[in-house]
C-alpha atoms as a PDB file:
ATOM      1  CA  MET A   1     185.830  53.020   8.213  1.00  0.00           C
ATOM      2  CA  ALA A   2     182.576  51.441   9.357  1.00  0.00           C
ATOM      3  CA  GLY A   3     182.556  53.433  12.579  1.00  0.00           C
ATOM      4  CA  THR A   4     181.730  52.793  16.199  1.00  0.00           C
ATOM      5  CA  GLY A   5     178.947  50.288  16.719  1.00  0.00           C
ATOM      6  CA  ALA A   6     179.259  48.736  13.252  1.00  0.00           C
ATOM      7  CA  ARG A   7     178.116  45.149  13.055  1.00  0.00           C
ATOM      8  CA  ASP A   8     180.897  42.574  12.614  1.00  0.00           C
ATOM      9  CA  CYS A   9     179.450  40.256   9.973  1.00  0.00           C
ATOM     10  CA  GLY A  10     182.370  37.872  10.214  1.00  0.00           C
ATOM     11  CA  HIS A  11     185.017  36.217   8.103  1.00  0.00           C
ATOM     12  CA  VAL A  12     184.691  33.679   5.300  1.00  0.00           C
ATOM     13  CA  SER A  13     187.694  31.418   4.666  1.00  0.00           C
ATOM     14  CA  VAL A  14     188.569  30.340   1.122  1.00  0.00           C
ATOM     15  CA  THR A  15     186.782  27.013   1.616  1.00  0.00           C
ATOM     16  CA  GLY A  16     184.206  28.275   4.104  1.00  0.00           C
ATOM     17  CA  ASP A  17     180.463  28.667   3.745  1.00  0.00           C
ATOM     18  CA  PRO A  18     179.729  32.343   3.009  1.00  0.00           C
ATOM     19  CA  THR A  19     176.023  32.054   3.901  1.00  0.00           C
ATOM     20  CA  PRO A  20     176.129  33.366   7.524  1.00  0.00           C
ATOM     21  CA  THR A  21     178.374  36.302   6.600  1.00  0.00           C
ATOM     22  CA  ASP A  22     176.388  37.045   3.423  1.00  0.00           C
ATOM     23  CA  ASN A  23     173.124  37.015   5.379  1.00  0.00           C
ATOM     24  CA  CYS A  24     174.531  39.449   7.934  1.00  0.00           C
ATOM     25  CA  VAL A  25     175.839  41.780   5.194  1.00  0.00           C
ATOM     26  CA  LEU A  26     172.510  41.638   3.352  1.00  0.00           C
ATOM     27  CA  LEU A  27     170.456  42.371   6.479  1.00  0.00           C
ATOM     28  CA  ALA A  28     172.703  45.274   7.507  1.00  0.00           C
ATOM     29  CA  PHE A  29     172.753  46.703   3.964  1.00  0.00           C
ATOM     30  CA  LYS A  30     168.953  46.508   3.623  1.00  0.00           C
ATOM     31  CA  ALA A  31     168.547  48.141   7.055  1.00  0.00           C
ATOM     32  CA  SER A  32     171.081  50.882   6.141  1.00  0.00           C
ATOM     33  CA  THR A  33     173.199  50.086   9.190  1.00  0.00           C
ATOM     34  CA  ALA A  34     176.971  50.077   9.509  1.00  0.00           C
ATOM     35  CA  PHE A  35     178.791  46.759   9.059  1.00  0.00           C
ATOM     36  CA  PHE A  36     182.058  45.120   8.023  1.00  0.00           C
ATOM     37  CA  ALA A  37     183.084  41.672   6.783  1.00  0.00           C
ATOM     38  CA  ARG A  38     186.079  39.823   5.337  1.00  0.00           C
ATOM     39  CA  TYR A  39     186.115  37.326   2.464  1.00  0.00           C
ATOM     40  CA  ASP A  40     189.297  35.327   1.836  1.00  0.00           C
ATOM     41  CA  ARG A  41     190.038  34.682  -1.829  1.00  0.00           C
ATOM     42  CA  PRO A  42     192.156  32.005  -3.487  1.00  0.00           C
ATOM     43  CA  GLY A  43     195.693  33.291  -4.032  1.00  0.00           C
ATOM     44  CA  THR A  44     198.401  31.955  -6.318  1.00  0.00           C
ATOM     45  CA  ASP A  45     201.420  32.536  -4.100  1.00  0.00           C
ATOM     46  CA  SER A  46     200.086  34.665  -1.264  1.00  0.00           C
ATOM     47  CA  ARG A  47     197.075  35.139   0.994  1.00  0.00           C
ATOM     48  CA  VAL A  48     194.437  37.435  -0.486  1.00  0.00           C
ATOM     49  CA  ALA A  49     191.259  38.854   1.041  1.00  0.00           C
ATOM     50  CA  LEU A  50     188.531  41.333   0.200  1.00  0.00           C
ATOM     51  CA  GLY A  51     186.931  43.292   2.994  1.00  0.00           C
ATOM     52  CA  ILE A  52     183.827  45.437   2.855  1.00  0.00           C
ATOM     53  CA  ALA A  53     182.729  48.160   5.249  1.00  0.00           C
ATOM     54  CA  ARG A  54     179.724  50.474   5.269  1.00  0.00           C
ATOM     55  CA  ASN A  55     179.312  53.359   7.687  1.00  0.00           C
ATOM     56  CA  SER A  56     176.077  54.776   9.083  1.00  0.00           C
ATOM     57  CA  ALA A  57     176.047  57.460   6.340  1.00  0.00           C
ATOM     58  CA  GLY A  58     175.909  54.712   3.702  1.00  0.00           C
ATOM     59  CA  GLN A  59     179.484  55.137   2.438  1.00  0.00           C
ATOM     60  CA  THR A  60     180.711  51.718   1.277  1.00  0.00           C
ATOM     61  CA  THR A  61     184.384  50.854   0.944  1.00  0.00           C
ATOM     62  CA  TYR A  62     186.166  47.700  -0.198  1.00  0.00           C
ATOM     63  CA  PHE A  63     189.574  46.693   1.154  1.00  0.00           C
ATOM     64  CA  HIS A  64     191.976  44.484  -0.797  1.00  0.00           C
ATOM     65  CA  TYR A  65     194.663  42.639   1.172  1.00  0.00           C
ATOM     66  CA  ASP A  66     197.579  40.775  -0.413  1.00  0.00           C
ATOM     67  CA  SER A  67     200.220  39.209   1.834  1.00  0.00           C
ATOM     68  CA  ASP A  68     202.857  39.372  -0.939  1.00  0.00           C
ATOM     69  CA  PRO A  69     201.866  41.310  -4.084  1.00  0.00           C
ATOM     70  CA  CYS A  70     205.305  40.741  -5.660  1.00  0.00           C
ATOM     71  CA  GLY A  71     204.590  37.083  -6.240  1.00  0.00           C
ATOM     72  CA  GLY A  72     206.677  35.173  -3.741  1.00  0.00           C
ATOM     73  CA  SER A  73     209.523  37.624  -3.289  1.00  0.00           C
ATOM     74  CA  SER A  74     208.513  38.687   0.201  1.00  0.00           C
ATOM     75  CA  CYS A  75     208.038  42.370  -0.594  1.00  0.00           C
ATOM     76  CA  GLY A  76     205.540  42.749   2.233  1.00  0.00           C
ATOM     77  CA  ALA A  77     201.794  42.880   2.667  1.00  0.00           C
ATOM     78  CA  ILE A  78     199.563  45.671   1.365  1.00  0.00           C
ATOM     79  CA  ILE A  79     196.032  46.873   2.005  1.00  0.00           C
ATOM     80  CA  ASP A  80     194.276  49.110  -0.525  1.00  0.00           C
ATOM     81  CA  SER A  81     190.937  50.846  -0.013  1.00  0.00           C
ATOM     82  CA  ILE A  82     188.543  51.153  -2.947  1.00  0.00           C
ATOM     83  CA  GLY A  83     185.535  53.452  -2.754  1.00  0.00           C
ATOM     84  CA  CYS A  84     182.203  52.079  -3.937  1.00  0.00           C
ATOM     85  CA  ASP A  85     179.696  54.338  -5.715  1.00  0.00           C
ATOM     86  CA  GLY A  86     176.126  53.139  -6.107  1.00  0.00           C
ATOM     87  CA  PRO A  87     176.308  50.018  -3.925  1.00  0.00           C
ATOM     88  CA  SER A  88     173.520  47.513  -4.583  1.00  0.00           C
ATOM     89  CA  LEU A  89     172.718  43.856  -4.058  1.00  0.00           C
ATOM     90  CA  TRP A  90     173.941  41.336  -6.619  1.00  0.00           C
ATOM     91  CA  PRO A  91     170.975  40.664  -8.946  1.00  0.00           C
ATOM     92  CA  ASP A  92     169.236  37.298  -8.695  1.00  0.00           C
ATOM     93  CA  GLY A  93     170.580  34.883 -11.267  1.00  0.00           C
ATOM     94  CA  GLU A  94     173.861  36.759 -11.774  1.00  0.00           C
ATOM     95  CA  THR A  95     176.910  34.737 -10.780  1.00  0.00           C
ATOM     96  CA  ARG A  96     178.968  36.338  -8.039  1.00  0.00           C
ATOM     97  CA  PRO A  97     182.709  35.566  -8.006  1.00  0.00           C
ATOM     98  CA  ARG A  98     183.855  33.347  -5.113  1.00  0.00           C
ATOM     99  CA  GLY A  99     185.273  35.520  -2.377  1.00  0.00           C
ATOM    100  CA  ASP A 100     183.123  38.557  -3.230  1.00  0.00           C
ATOM    101  CA  PRO A 101     180.529  40.008  -0.861  1.00  0.00           C
ATOM    102  CA  PRO A 102     176.875  40.143  -1.978  1.00  0.00           C
ATOM    103  CA  ILE A 103     177.168  43.895  -2.648  1.00  0.00           C
ATOM    104  CA  LYS A 104     178.326  45.271  -5.993  1.00  0.00           C
ATOM    105  CA  CYS A 105     179.162  48.812  -7.062  1.00  0.00           C
ATOM    106  CA  SER A 106     178.000  50.760 -10.103  1.00  0.00           C
ATOM    107  CA  ALA A 107     181.449  52.414 -10.157  1.00  0.00           C
ATOM    108  CA  TYR A 108     184.677  52.185  -8.193  1.00  0.00           C
ATOM    109  CA  LYS A 109     186.706  55.132  -6.921  1.00  0.00           C
ATOM    110  CA  ALA A 110     190.471  55.222  -7.198  1.00  0.00           C
ATOM    111  CA  ASN A 111     192.486  52.878  -4.997  1.00  0.00           C
ATOM    112  CA  ALA A 112     194.341  54.282  -2.022  1.00  0.00           C
ATOM    113  CA  ARG A 113     197.125  52.326  -0.353  1.00  0.00           C
ATOM    114  CA  ILE A 114     196.367  52.483   3.359  1.00  0.00           C
ATOM    115  CA  CYS A 115     198.946  50.001   4.614  1.00  0.00           C
ATOM    116  CA  GLN A 116     202.248  48.812   3.214  1.00  0.00           C
END
């Protein structure tokens, strides 16, 4: 989705420091260059992550991963893609949820299951 030559901004674990990955995402976003990153999120009974990718045309997409969306019944992992319209930086002073990248969307496009 991010394309050839996209910058790998890294991976933030649930308890990890997001600063290096956030800084990379912010620099790439401000420079209008392609990038991707992964942010692990706390899960109740499965592993959950949110990925973000931006291509050189400026198209931004989120990816939601859940290792077991059925809640412990081993139904199998899924990955959904979510289009992002009007991507922008999180405003100063606004609290960003843990596990979210520093980019927010003015609107989200419909989910598409890309892996099941």
